[in-house]
Amino acid sequence: MTSRLSIGRLTATAPSRLLSPSAASPLVASVTARCCTQRRTYSSEEDAPPPPLLAKLRGDLKTAMKAKDKNRLTVLRAIMAATLNASKTANPVNTNAKVVALLRKTAKSSQDAVAEFRQAGREDLAEQEENQIKILEEYADSGGVKIDPAEVEAVAKEVLAKLKEERGGATVKAGDVIKILVAPGGPLDGKDVDRAEMARTVKNLVA
């Protein structure tokens, strides 16, 4: 099993009011370590109101503390630590889409941890990570930026048709379609989309 960030280093990178040694887990370590590697520059948007989803997470953190919900506390403390660190970089988590992206990325890290724990025979820790993944996905799905696969396909078809028209019916590469879909201001910009699934959809359309 790969080595993980120690609790000592973890608590040194996150405010004590958000993260205590007893709350540390591979989930917290992976999120905090990832965010702390970014260059720290203060954003001009640091004092802007938090996105609605982040505000909800903060409120739920207080509720989880009162309820002594250990799994939810671990998840929320990790996300709060990550967003706090990101606020001091050039890429703060300042939209619902960015919060959802962080949640999805954290869930992916936890899925990797599940496999590692099972290989090491630590079923207890694997189950703990799986419970945390459910919480992460619950919040990600509530972010209001999720887009249905059928809608992704419909939008991709529109972009493909437009490109073919502009090029006089010439062959269009999948990469050209994807580039337009996810470009800033594009139809899928800021949406909660499975990039791998989107790429498969586009490739099938241009085949």
N, C-alpha and C. Protein backbone atom coordinates (compact mmCIF):
# COMPACT_ATOMS: atom_id res chain seq x y z
N MET A 1 0.86 -1.19 0.00
CA MET A 1 0.00 0.00 0.00
C MET A 1 0.89 1.23 0.00
N THR A 2 0.57 2.21 -0.81
CA THR A 2 1.39 3.39 -0.93
C THR A 2 1.35 4.19 0.35
N SER A 3 2.43 4.94 0.63
CA SER A 3 2.48 5.74 1.84
C SER A 3 1.58 6.95 1.71
N ARG A 4 1.08 7.44 2.87
CA ARG A 4 0.17 8.56 2.87
C ARG A 4 0.70 9.65 3.78
N LEU A 5 0.19 10.84 3.62
CA LEU A 5 0.61 11.96 4.42
C LEU A 5 0.37 11.68 5.89
N SER A 6 1.35 11.95 6.73
CA SER A 6 1.22 11.65 8.16
C SER A 6 0.26 12.63 8.82
N ILE A 7 -0.27 12.22 9.97
CA ILE A 7 -1.19 13.08 10.70
C ILE A 7 -0.48 14.35 11.15
N GLY A 8 0.80 14.24 11.50
CA GLY A 8 1.55 15.41 11.93
C GLY A 8 1.61 16.46 10.85
N ARG A 9 1.96 16.06 9.63
CA ARG A 9 2.02 17.01 8.52
C ARG A 9 0.64 17.52 8.18
N LEU A 10 -0.35 16.65 8.26
CA LEU A 10 -1.71 17.03 7.93
C LEU A 10 -2.20 18.14 8.84
N THR A 11 -2.04 17.98 10.13
CA THR A 11 -2.53 18.98 11.06
C THR A 11 -1.75 20.27 10.96
N ALA A 12 -0.56 20.21 10.41
CA ALA A 12 0.23 21.43 10.24
C ALA A 12 -0.25 22.24 9.06
N THR A 13 -0.98 21.62 8.14
CA THR A 13 -1.42 22.32 6.94
C THR A 13 -2.86 22.76 6.99
N ALA A 14 -3.59 22.41 8.06
CA ALA A 14 -4.99 22.78 8.16
C ALA A 14 -5.26 23.41 9.51
N PRO A 15 -6.16 24.43 9.58
CA PRO A 15 -6.47 25.09 10.84
C PRO A 15 -7.02 24.10 11.85
N SER A 16 -6.60 24.27 13.11
CA SER A 16 -7.02 23.33 14.14
C SER A 16 -8.51 23.35 14.35
N ARG A 17 -9.16 24.48 14.08
CA ARG A 17 -10.60 24.52 14.32
C ARG A 17 -11.36 23.70 13.31
N LEU A 18 -10.72 23.38 12.17
CA LEU A 18 -11.39 22.58 11.15
C LEU A 18 -10.96 21.13 11.18
N LEU A 19 -9.74 20.88 11.63
CA LEU A 19 -9.18 19.54 11.48
C LEU A 19 -8.38 19.16 12.70
N SER A 20 -8.77 18.13 13.39
CA SER A 20 -8.04 17.66 14.56
C SER A 20 -7.37 16.35 14.23
N PRO A 21 -6.29 15.97 14.93
CA PRO A 21 -5.61 14.70 14.64
C PRO A 21 -6.54 13.52 14.69
N SER A 22 -7.52 13.56 15.59
CA SER A 22 -8.43 12.42 15.71
C SER A 22 -9.33 12.27 14.51
N ALA A 23 -9.47 13.37 13.74
CA ALA A 23 -10.35 13.30 12.57
C ALA A 23 -9.60 12.93 11.32
N ALA A 24 -8.29 12.82 11.39
CA ALA A 24 -7.49 12.59 10.20
C ALA A 24 -7.75 11.21 9.63
N SER A 25 -7.71 11.11 8.28
CA SER A 25 -7.90 9.84 7.60
C SER A 25 -7.23 9.95 6.26
N PRO A 26 -7.11 8.85 5.53
CA PRO A 26 -6.53 8.92 4.19
C PRO A 26 -7.26 9.92 3.30
N LEU A 27 -8.57 10.05 3.49
CA LEU A 27 -9.35 11.03 2.72
C LEU A 27 -8.83 12.42 2.98
N VAL A 28 -8.70 12.79 4.27
CA VAL A 28 -8.22 14.12 4.63
C VAL A 28 -6.81 14.33 4.11
N ALA A 29 -5.96 13.33 4.30
CA ALA A 29 -4.57 13.46 3.87
C ALA A 29 -4.45 13.70 2.39
N SER A 30 -5.21 12.94 1.59
CA SER A 30 -5.09 13.06 0.14
C SER A 30 -5.58 14.40 -0.35
N VAL A 31 -6.67 14.90 0.21
CA VAL A 31 -7.22 16.20 -0.22
C VAL A 31 -6.30 17.32 0.18
N THR A 32 -5.85 17.32 1.45
CA THR A 32 -5.03 18.41 1.94
C THR A 32 -3.68 18.44 1.26
N ALA A 33 -3.08 17.27 1.06
CA ALA A 33 -1.78 17.21 0.41
C ALA A 33 -1.86 17.75 -1.00
N ARG A 34 -2.94 17.40 -1.72
CA ARG A 34 -3.09 17.85 -3.09
C ARG A 34 -3.20 19.37 -3.17
N CYS A 35 -3.98 19.95 -2.27
CA CYS A 35 -4.22 21.38 -2.32
C CYS A 35 -2.99 22.18 -1.87
N CYS A 36 -2.23 21.60 -0.93
CA CYS A 36 -1.09 22.33 -0.39
C CYS A 36 0.07 22.38 -1.36
N THR A 37 0.04 21.61 -2.44
CA THR A 37 1.13 21.65 -3.42
C THR A 37 0.97 22.79 -4.40
N GLN A 38 -0.19 23.46 -4.38
CA GLN A 38 -0.42 24.56 -5.29
C GLN A 38 0.32 25.80 -4.79
N ARG A 39 0.70 26.69 -5.72
CA ARG A 39 1.35 27.93 -5.37
C ARG A 39 0.38 28.81 -4.61
N ARG A 40 0.80 29.37 -3.47
CA ARG A 40 -0.10 30.14 -2.63
C ARG A 40 -0.01 31.62 -2.99
N THR A 41 -1.05 32.13 -3.63
CA THR A 41 -1.19 33.55 -3.90
C THR A 41 -2.59 33.93 -3.52
N TYR A 42 -2.77 35.08 -2.90
CA TYR A 42 -4.08 35.47 -2.42
C TYR A 42 -4.95 35.98 -3.55
N SER A 43 -6.16 35.45 -3.62
CA SER A 43 -7.09 35.82 -4.67
C SER A 43 -7.83 37.09 -4.31
N SER A 44 -8.14 37.90 -5.32
CA SER A 44 -8.90 39.12 -5.10
C SER A 44 -10.33 38.82 -4.73
N GLU A 45 -10.75 37.53 -4.93
CA GLU A 45 -12.12 37.13 -4.64
C GLU A 45 -12.24 36.45 -3.28
N GLU A 46 -11.17 36.56 -2.45
CA GLU A 46 -11.12 35.84 -1.19
C GLU A 46 -12.29 36.20 -0.27
N ASP A 47 -12.74 37.46 -0.32
CA ASP A 47 -13.81 37.90 0.57
C ASP A 47 -15.19 37.80 -0.06
N ALA A 48 -15.28 37.25 -1.26
CA ALA A 48 -16.58 37.12 -1.92
C ALA A 48 -17.44 36.09 -1.19
N PRO A 49 -18.76 36.20 -1.28
CA PRO A 49 -19.64 35.22 -0.64
C PRO A 49 -19.35 33.83 -1.18
N PRO A 50 -19.41 32.81 -0.34
CA PRO A 50 -19.14 31.45 -0.81
C PRO A 50 -20.25 30.97 -1.73
N PRO A 51 -19.96 30.06 -2.66
CA PRO A 51 -21.01 29.48 -3.49
C PRO A 51 -22.02 28.74 -2.61
N PRO A 52 -23.27 28.64 -3.05
CA PRO A 52 -24.32 28.01 -2.23
C PRO A 52 -23.96 26.63 -1.69
N LEU A 53 -23.34 25.79 -2.52
CA LEU A 53 -23.01 24.44 -2.07
C LEU A 53 -21.98 24.47 -0.95
N LEU A 54 -21.00 25.36 -1.06
CA LEU A 54 -19.99 25.46 -0.02
C LEU A 54 -20.61 25.96 1.28
N ALA A 55 -21.53 26.89 1.16
CA ALA A 55 -22.23 27.39 2.35
C ALA A 55 -23.01 26.26 3.03
N LYS A 56 -23.60 25.40 2.22
CA LYS A 56 -24.33 24.25 2.76
C LYS A 56 -23.38 23.30 3.50
N LEU A 57 -22.22 23.07 2.91
CA LEU A 57 -21.24 22.19 3.54
C LEU A 57 -20.81 22.74 4.90
N ARG A 58 -20.63 24.05 4.96
CA ARG A 58 -20.23 24.66 6.24
C ARG A 58 -21.33 24.49 7.28
N GLY A 59 -22.58 24.68 6.86
CA GLY A 59 -23.68 24.49 7.79
C GLY A 59 -23.80 23.05 8.24
N ASP A 60 -23.60 22.13 7.30
CA ASP A 60 -23.69 20.71 7.64
C ASP A 60 -22.55 20.26 8.55
N LEU A 61 -21.40 20.95 8.47
CA LEU A 61 -20.29 20.64 9.35
C LEU A 61 -20.69 20.88 10.81
N LYS A 62 -21.36 21.99 11.05
CA LYS A 62 -21.81 22.30 12.41
C LYS A 62 -22.83 21.27 12.89
N THR A 63 -23.74 20.89 11.98
CA THR A 63 -24.75 19.89 12.32
C THR A 63 -24.11 18.54 12.62
N ALA A 64 -23.12 18.16 11.82
CA ALA A 64 -22.45 16.88 12.01
C ALA A 64 -21.67 16.86 13.32
N MET A 65 -21.12 18.00 13.71
CA MET A 65 -20.39 18.08 14.98
C MET A 65 -21.34 17.83 16.15
N LYS A 66 -22.52 18.44 16.08
CA LYS A 66 -23.50 18.26 17.14
C LYS A 66 -24.01 16.82 17.20
N ALA A 67 -24.18 16.22 16.01
CA ALA A 67 -24.69 14.85 15.93
C ALA A 67 -23.60 13.81 16.13
N LYS A 68 -22.33 14.26 16.18
CA LYS A 68 -21.18 13.36 16.32
C LYS A 68 -21.17 12.31 15.20
N ASP A 69 -21.46 12.81 13.97
CA ASP A 69 -21.46 11.95 12.78
C ASP A 69 -20.02 11.89 12.27
N LYS A 70 -19.29 10.87 12.67
CA LYS A 70 -17.85 10.78 12.41
C LYS A 70 -17.51 10.79 10.92
N ASN A 71 -18.19 9.97 10.13
CA ASN A 71 -17.88 9.89 8.70
C ASN A 71 -18.13 11.22 8.00
N ARG A 72 -19.27 11.84 8.30
CA ARG A 72 -19.60 13.11 7.65
C ARG A 72 -18.63 14.21 8.11
N LEU A 73 -18.27 14.18 9.38
CA LEU A 73 -17.31 15.15 9.89
C LEU A 73 -15.97 15.03 9.17
N THR A 74 -15.51 13.81 8.97
CA THR A 74 -14.23 13.59 8.29
C THR A 74 -14.26 14.15 6.88
N VAL A 75 -15.36 13.88 6.17
CA VAL A 75 -15.51 14.36 4.80
C VAL A 75 -15.55 15.89 4.77
N LEU A 76 -16.40 16.48 5.60
CA LEU A 76 -16.59 17.93 5.56
C LEU A 76 -15.35 18.68 6.02
N ARG A 77 -14.65 18.15 7.02
CA ARG A 77 -13.41 18.80 7.46
C ARG A 77 -12.36 18.77 6.35
N ALA A 78 -12.29 17.66 5.63
CA ALA A 78 -11.34 17.55 4.53
C ALA A 78 -11.65 18.56 3.43
N ILE A 79 -12.93 18.67 3.08
CA ILE A 79 -13.32 19.61 2.02
C ILE A 79 -13.11 21.05 2.46
N MET A 80 -13.44 21.36 3.72
CA MET A 80 -13.22 22.72 4.23
C MET A 80 -11.73 23.08 4.21
N ALA A 81 -10.88 22.13 4.63
CA ALA A 81 -9.44 22.37 4.63
C ALA A 81 -8.94 22.62 3.20
N ALA A 82 -9.46 21.82 2.26
CA ALA A 82 -9.04 21.96 0.86
C ALA A 82 -9.47 23.30 0.28
N THR A 83 -10.70 23.72 0.56
CA THR A 83 -11.18 25.00 0.01
C THR A 83 -10.47 26.18 0.66
N LEU A 84 -10.13 26.05 1.94
CA LEU A 84 -9.39 27.12 2.61
C LEU A 84 -8.01 27.29 1.98
N ASN A 85 -7.33 26.17 1.75
CA ASN A 85 -6.02 26.24 1.10
C ASN A 85 -6.13 26.78 -0.32
N ALA A 86 -7.16 26.37 -1.03
CA ALA A 86 -7.34 26.83 -2.41
C ALA A 86 -7.62 28.32 -2.47
N SER A 87 -8.24 28.87 -1.41
CA SER A 87 -8.57 30.30 -1.40
C SER A 87 -7.32 31.16 -1.39
N LYS A 88 -6.19 30.57 -1.07
CA LYS A 88 -4.92 31.30 -1.02
C LYS A 88 -4.08 31.04 -2.25
N THR A 89 -4.71 30.50 -3.28
CA THR A 89 -4.03 30.25 -4.55
C THR A 89 -4.70 31.06 -5.65
N ALA A 90 -4.21 30.89 -6.86
CA ALA A 90 -4.80 31.57 -8.01
C ALA A 90 -6.07 30.89 -8.50
N ASN A 91 -6.43 29.76 -7.89
CA ASN A 91 -7.60 29.01 -8.33
C ASN A 91 -8.50 28.66 -7.14
N PRO A 92 -9.17 29.67 -6.55
CA PRO A 92 -10.03 29.39 -5.40
C PRO A 92 -11.27 28.60 -5.79
N VAL A 93 -11.83 27.90 -4.82
CA VAL A 93 -13.08 27.15 -5.06
C VAL A 93 -14.23 28.12 -4.82
N ASN A 94 -14.60 28.87 -5.86
CA ASN A 94 -15.54 29.96 -5.70
C ASN A 94 -16.84 29.82 -6.50
N THR A 95 -17.09 28.63 -7.03
CA THR A 95 -18.36 28.37 -7.72
C THR A 95 -18.84 26.97 -7.34
N ASN A 96 -20.13 26.74 -7.53
CA ASN A 96 -20.66 25.40 -7.26
C ASN A 96 -19.95 24.36 -8.11
N ALA A 97 -19.66 24.72 -9.37
CA ALA A 97 -18.99 23.76 -10.26
C ALA A 97 -17.63 23.34 -9.71
N LYS A 98 -16.89 24.29 -9.13
CA LYS A 98 -15.58 23.97 -8.58
C LYS A 98 -15.70 23.13 -7.31
N VAL A 99 -16.73 23.40 -6.52
CA VAL A 99 -16.96 22.58 -5.33
C VAL A 99 -17.27 21.15 -5.75
N VAL A 100 -18.12 21.00 -6.75
CA VAL A 100 -18.48 19.66 -7.23
C VAL A 100 -17.24 18.95 -7.79
N ALA A 101 -16.42 19.68 -8.54
CA ALA A 101 -15.21 19.08 -9.09
C ALA A 101 -14.30 18.57 -7.98
N LEU A 102 -14.19 19.35 -6.90
CA LEU A 102 -13.38 18.94 -5.76
C LEU A 102 -13.97 17.69 -5.10
N LEU A 103 -15.28 17.66 -4.96
CA LEU A 103 -15.95 16.50 -4.36
C LEU A 103 -15.72 15.24 -5.20
N ARG A 104 -15.86 15.38 -6.52
CA ARG A 104 -15.66 14.23 -7.42
C ARG A 104 -14.21 13.74 -7.36
N LYS A 105 -13.28 14.67 -7.36
CA LYS A 105 -11.87 14.30 -7.34
C LYS A 105 -11.51 13.61 -6.03
N THR A 106 -12.10 14.11 -4.93
CA THR A 106 -11.85 13.51 -3.63
C THR A 106 -12.44 12.10 -3.57
N ALA A 107 -13.63 11.94 -4.15
CA ALA A 107 -14.25 10.61 -4.19
C ALA A 107 -13.38 9.63 -4.96
N LYS A 108 -12.78 10.11 -6.05
CA LYS A 108 -11.90 9.24 -6.84
C LYS A 108 -10.68 8.82 -6.01
N SER A 109 -10.12 9.75 -5.23
CA SER A 109 -8.99 9.41 -4.38
C SER A 109 -9.38 8.37 -3.33
N SER A 110 -10.59 8.51 -2.81
CA SER A 110 -11.08 7.56 -1.81
C SER A 110 -11.30 6.19 -2.44
N GLN A 111 -11.75 6.15 -3.70
CA GLN A 111 -11.93 4.88 -4.38
C GLN A 111 -10.59 4.16 -4.55
N ASP A 112 -9.55 4.94 -4.85
CA ASP A 112 -8.21 4.36 -4.95
C ASP A 112 -7.77 3.81 -3.59
N ALA A 113 -8.12 4.54 -2.53
CA ALA A 113 -7.74 4.11 -1.18
C ALA A 113 -8.45 2.81 -0.80
N VAL A 114 -9.69 2.66 -1.23
CA VAL A 114 -10.45 1.44 -0.95
C VAL A 114 -9.70 0.22 -1.49
N ALA A 115 -9.24 0.34 -2.73
CA ALA A 115 -8.51 -0.78 -3.35
C ALA A 115 -7.23 -1.08 -2.59
N GLU A 116 -6.52 -0.04 -2.15
CA GLU A 116 -5.28 -0.24 -1.42
C GLU A 116 -5.54 -0.92 -0.07
N PHE A 117 -6.57 -0.47 0.62
CA PHE A 117 -6.88 -1.06 1.92
C PHE A 117 -7.26 -2.52 1.79
N ARG A 118 -8.02 -2.83 0.74
CA ARG A 118 -8.44 -4.24 0.56
C ARG A 118 -7.23 -5.11 0.24
N GLN A 119 -6.31 -4.59 -0.52
CA GLN A 119 -5.10 -5.35 -0.83
C GLN A 119 -4.28 -5.60 0.44
N ALA A 120 -4.38 -4.67 1.38
CA ALA A 120 -3.63 -4.80 2.63
C ALA A 120 -4.42 -5.56 3.70
N GLY A 121 -5.62 -6.00 3.33
CA GLY A 121 -6.43 -6.75 4.28
C GLY A 121 -7.11 -5.90 5.33
N ARG A 122 -7.24 -4.59 5.07
CA ARG A 122 -7.89 -3.69 6.03
C ARG A 122 -9.31 -3.40 5.57
N GLU A 123 -10.17 -4.37 5.72
CA GLU A 123 -11.56 -4.22 5.29
C GLU A 123 -12.26 -3.13 6.08
N ASP A 124 -11.88 -2.93 7.35
CA ASP A 124 -12.50 -1.90 8.17
C ASP A 124 -12.28 -0.51 7.60
N LEU A 125 -11.04 -0.26 7.16
CA LEU A 125 -10.72 1.04 6.58
C LEU A 125 -11.34 1.18 5.19
N ALA A 126 -11.42 0.09 4.45
CA ALA A 126 -12.04 0.13 3.12
C ALA A 126 -13.52 0.50 3.25
N GLU A 127 -14.19 -0.08 4.22
CA GLU A 127 -15.61 0.24 4.43
C GLU A 127 -15.79 1.68 4.88
N GLN A 128 -14.87 2.17 5.68
CA GLN A 128 -14.94 3.57 6.11
C GLN A 128 -14.83 4.51 4.91
N GLU A 129 -13.89 4.22 4.02
CA GLU A 129 -13.72 5.04 2.82
C GLU A 129 -14.97 4.97 1.94
N GLU A 130 -15.56 3.79 1.82
CA GLU A 130 -16.76 3.64 1.00
C GLU A 130 -17.92 4.47 1.56
N ASN A 131 -18.04 4.51 2.87
CA ASN A 131 -19.08 5.34 3.48
C ASN A 131 -18.84 6.81 3.20
N GLN A 132 -17.57 7.21 3.19
CA GLN A 132 -17.24 8.61 2.90
C GLN A 132 -17.49 8.94 1.43
N ILE A 133 -17.25 7.97 0.55
CA ILE A 133 -17.53 8.18 -0.87
C ILE A 133 -19.01 8.47 -1.09
N LYS A 134 -19.87 7.73 -0.39
CA LYS A 134 -21.31 7.95 -0.51
C LYS A 134 -21.69 9.37 -0.13
N ILE A 135 -21.06 9.89 0.91
CA ILE A 135 -21.33 11.25 1.36
C ILE A 135 -20.84 12.27 0.33
N LEU A 136 -19.65 12.05 -0.21
CA LEU A 136 -19.10 12.93 -1.23
C LEU A 136 -19.99 12.97 -2.46
N GLU A 137 -20.46 11.81 -2.90
CA GLU A 137 -21.31 11.75 -4.08
C GLU A 137 -22.68 12.37 -3.82
N GLU A 138 -23.15 12.22 -2.60
CA GLU A 138 -24.43 12.84 -2.21
C GLU A 138 -24.35 14.35 -2.39
N TYR A 139 -23.28 14.95 -1.90
CA TYR A 139 -23.11 16.40 -2.03
C TYR A 139 -22.87 16.81 -3.49
N ALA A 140 -22.05 16.03 -4.20
CA ALA A 140 -21.76 16.37 -5.59
C ALA A 140 -23.04 16.35 -6.43
N ASP A 141 -23.90 15.37 -6.19
CA ASP A 141 -25.14 15.27 -6.96
C ASP A 141 -26.11 16.41 -6.65
N SER A 142 -25.94 17.03 -5.48
CA SER A 142 -26.85 18.12 -5.09
C SER A 142 -26.34 19.49 -5.53
N GLY A 143 -25.23 19.51 -6.27
CA GLY A 143 -24.60 20.77 -6.63
C GLY A 143 -25.31 21.61 -7.68
N GLY A 144 -26.27 21.01 -8.38
CA GLY A 144 -27.00 21.76 -9.39
C GLY A 144 -26.28 21.95 -10.70
N VAL A 145 -25.16 21.27 -10.89
CA VAL A 145 -24.41 21.40 -12.15
C VAL A 145 -24.29 20.07 -12.88
N LYS A 146 -24.94 19.05 -12.36
CA LYS A 146 -24.88 17.74 -13.01
C LYS A 146 -25.70 17.77 -14.30
N ILE A 147 -25.18 17.15 -15.34
CA ILE A 147 -25.86 17.13 -16.62
C ILE A 147 -26.08 15.67 -17.04
N ASP A 148 -27.26 15.39 -17.54
CA ASP A 148 -27.64 14.03 -17.92
C ASP A 148 -26.84 13.58 -19.15
N PRO A 149 -26.42 12.31 -19.20
CA PRO A 149 -25.68 11.80 -20.37
C PRO A 149 -26.42 12.02 -21.69
N ALA A 150 -27.75 11.93 -21.65
CA ALA A 150 -28.52 12.15 -22.88
C ALA A 150 -28.39 13.59 -23.36
N GLU A 151 -28.30 14.51 -22.39
CA GLU A 151 -28.14 15.92 -22.75
C GLU A 151 -26.75 16.18 -23.31
N VAL A 152 -25.76 15.48 -22.76
CA VAL A 152 -24.40 15.60 -23.28
C VAL A 152 -24.36 15.16 -24.73
N GLU A 153 -25.02 14.04 -25.02
CA GLU A 153 -25.05 13.53 -26.39
C GLU A 153 -25.77 14.51 -27.33
N ALA A 154 -26.87 15.09 -26.86
CA ALA A 154 -27.63 16.03 -27.69
C ALA A 154 -26.80 17.26 -28.02
N VAL A 155 -26.11 17.79 -27.03
CA VAL A 155 -25.28 18.97 -27.24
C VAL A 155 -24.12 18.63 -28.16
N ALA A 156 -23.52 17.46 -27.97
CA ALA A 156 -22.41 17.04 -28.82
C ALA A 156 -22.86 16.91 -30.28
N LYS A 157 -24.05 16.40 -30.48
CA LYS A 157 -24.59 16.28 -31.85
C LYS A 157 -24.74 17.65 -32.50
N GLU A 158 -25.20 18.62 -31.73
CA GLU A 158 -25.37 19.97 -32.25
C GLU A 158 -24.03 20.57 -32.66
N VAL A 159 -23.04 20.40 -31.82
CA VAL A 159 -21.71 20.94 -32.12
C VAL A 159 -21.12 20.24 -33.34
N LEU A 160 -21.27 18.92 -33.41
CA LEU A 160 -20.76 18.16 -34.54
C LEU A 160 -21.41 18.60 -35.84
N ALA A 161 -22.73 18.77 -35.81
CA ALA A 161 -23.46 19.18 -37.01
C ALA A 161 -23.01 20.57 -37.48
N LYS A 162 -22.79 21.48 -36.52
CA LYS A 162 -22.36 22.83 -36.86
C LYS A 162 -20.97 22.82 -37.47
N LEU A 163 -20.07 22.01 -36.92
CA LEU A 163 -18.72 21.93 -37.46
C LEU A 163 -18.71 21.35 -38.87
N LYS A 164 -19.54 20.32 -39.09
CA LYS A 164 -19.61 19.73 -40.42
C LYS A 164 -20.13 20.74 -41.43
N GLU A 165 -21.12 21.52 -41.01
CA GLU A 165 -21.69 22.54 -41.90
C GLU A 165 -20.64 23.59 -42.24
N GLU A 166 -19.89 24.02 -41.23
CA GLU A 166 -18.87 25.04 -41.44
C GLU A 166 -17.75 24.53 -42.35
N ARG A 167 -17.51 23.22 -42.32
CA ARG A 167 -16.41 22.63 -43.09
C ARG A 167 -16.87 21.96 -44.37
N GLY A 168 -18.10 22.26 -44.74
CA GLY A 168 -18.61 21.73 -46.00
C GLY A 168 -18.76 20.23 -46.02
N GLY A 169 -19.09 19.64 -44.87
CA GLY A 169 -19.29 18.20 -44.80
C GLY A 169 -18.04 17.39 -44.59
N ALA A 170 -16.90 18.07 -44.42
CA ALA A 170 -15.64 17.36 -44.21
C ALA A 170 -15.65 16.63 -42.86
N THR A 171 -14.79 15.64 -42.74
CA THR A 171 -14.69 14.86 -41.50
C THR A 171 -14.29 15.74 -40.32
N VAL A 172 -14.94 15.51 -39.22
CA VAL A 172 -14.64 16.27 -38.00
C VAL A 172 -14.05 15.32 -36.96
N LYS A 173 -12.96 15.71 -36.36
CA LYS A 173 -12.32 14.89 -35.33
C LYS A 173 -13.02 15.04 -33.99
N ALA A 174 -12.98 13.97 -33.20
CA ALA A 174 -13.61 14.00 -31.88
C ALA A 174 -13.02 15.11 -31.01
N GLY A 175 -11.71 15.30 -31.12
CA GLY A 175 -11.04 16.33 -30.32
C GLY A 175 -11.55 17.72 -30.60
N ASP A 176 -11.93 17.98 -31.86
CA ASP A 176 -12.46 19.30 -32.21
C ASP A 176 -13.79 19.56 -31.52
N VAL A 177 -14.61 18.51 -31.44
CA VAL A 177 -15.93 18.63 -30.79
C VAL A 177 -15.76 18.83 -29.29
N ILE A 178 -14.90 18.02 -28.69
CA ILE A 178 -14.67 18.09 -27.25
C ILE A 178 -14.12 19.46 -26.86
N LYS A 179 -13.22 19.97 -27.67
CA LYS A 179 -12.62 21.28 -27.38
C LYS A 179 -13.68 22.37 -27.27
N ILE A 180 -14.66 22.34 -28.16
CA ILE A 180 -15.73 23.33 -28.14
C ILE A 180 -16.66 23.10 -26.95
N LEU A 181 -16.95 21.84 -26.66
CA LEU A 181 -17.87 21.51 -25.57
C LEU A 181 -17.38 22.03 -24.22
N VAL A 182 -16.09 21.88 -23.95
CA VAL A 182 -15.57 22.22 -22.61
C VAL A 182 -14.82 23.54 -22.56
N ALA A 183 -14.77 24.26 -23.67
CA ALA A 183 -14.07 25.55 -23.69
C ALA A 183 -14.78 26.54 -22.77
N PRO A 184 -14.06 27.54 -22.25
CA PRO A 184 -14.71 28.57 -21.43
C PRO A 184 -15.90 29.18 -22.16
N GLY A 185 -17.06 29.13 -21.54
CA GLY A 185 -18.27 29.63 -22.18
C GLY A 185 -18.95 28.61 -23.07
N GLY A 186 -18.34 27.42 -23.21
CA GLY A 186 -18.92 26.37 -24.03
C GLY A 186 -20.12 25.73 -23.36
N PRO A 187 -20.85 24.90 -24.09
CA PRO A 187 -22.08 24.30 -23.55
C PRO A 187 -21.88 23.44 -22.32
N LEU A 188 -20.69 22.88 -22.12
CA LEU A 188 -20.44 22.03 -20.95
C LEU A 188 -19.48 22.66 -19.95
N ASP A 189 -19.12 23.91 -20.19
CA ASP A 189 -18.23 24.61 -19.27
C ASP A 189 -18.91 24.76 -17.90
N GLY A 190 -18.22 24.33 -16.85
CA GLY A 190 -18.77 24.46 -15.51
C GLY A 190 -19.81 23.42 -15.15
N LYS A 191 -19.98 22.41 -16.00
CA LYS A 191 -20.97 21.37 -15.73
C LYS A 191 -20.29 20.14 -15.12
N ASP A 192 -21.06 19.40 -14.35
CA ASP A 192 -20.58 18.17 -13.73
C ASP A 192 -20.71 17.03 -14.73
N VAL A 193 -19.63 16.83 -15.49
CA VAL A 193 -19.65 15.85 -16.57
C VAL A 193 -18.52 14.85 -16.39
N ASP A 194 -18.83 13.59 -16.63
CA ASP A 194 -17.80 12.55 -16.63
C ASP A 194 -17.04 12.70 -17.95
N ARG A 195 -15.82 13.21 -17.88
CA ARG A 195 -15.05 13.51 -19.09
C ARG A 195 -14.80 12.26 -19.94
N ALA A 196 -14.52 11.15 -19.29
CA ALA A 196 -14.25 9.91 -20.03
C ALA A 196 -15.50 9.46 -20.78
N GLU A 197 -16.65 9.53 -20.11
CA GLU A 197 -17.91 9.14 -20.76
C GLU A 197 -18.24 10.09 -21.90
N MET A 198 -18.01 11.38 -21.69
CA MET A 198 -18.25 12.37 -22.75
C MET A 198 -17.39 12.07 -23.96
N ALA A 199 -16.12 11.75 -23.74
CA ALA A 199 -15.21 11.46 -24.84
C ALA A 199 -15.67 10.24 -25.63
N ARG A 200 -16.15 9.21 -24.91
CA ARG A 200 -16.65 8.02 -25.59
C ARG A 200 -17.88 8.36 -26.43
N THR A 201 -18.75 9.20 -25.90
CA THR A 201 -19.95 9.60 -26.63
C THR A 201 -19.60 10.32 -27.92
N VAL A 202 -18.66 11.26 -27.82
CA VAL A 202 -18.26 12.04 -29.00
C VAL A 202 -17.59 11.14 -30.04
N LYS A 203 -16.74 10.23 -29.59
CA LYS A 203 -16.06 9.33 -30.52
C LYS A 203 -17.05 8.44 -31.26
N ASN A 204 -18.09 8.02 -30.58
CA ASN A 204 -19.12 7.21 -31.23
C ASN A 204 -19.88 8.02 -32.28
N LEU A 205 -20.08 9.30 -31.98
CA LEU A 205 -20.82 10.16 -32.91
C LEU A 205 -20.03 10.45 -34.19
N VAL A 206 -18.73 10.61 -34.06
CA VAL A 206 -17.93 10.96 -35.24
C VAL A 206 -17.47 9.73 -36.01
N ALA A 207 -17.67 8.54 -35.44
CA ALA A 207 -17.21 7.31 -36.10
C ALA A 207 -17.96 7.07 -37.41
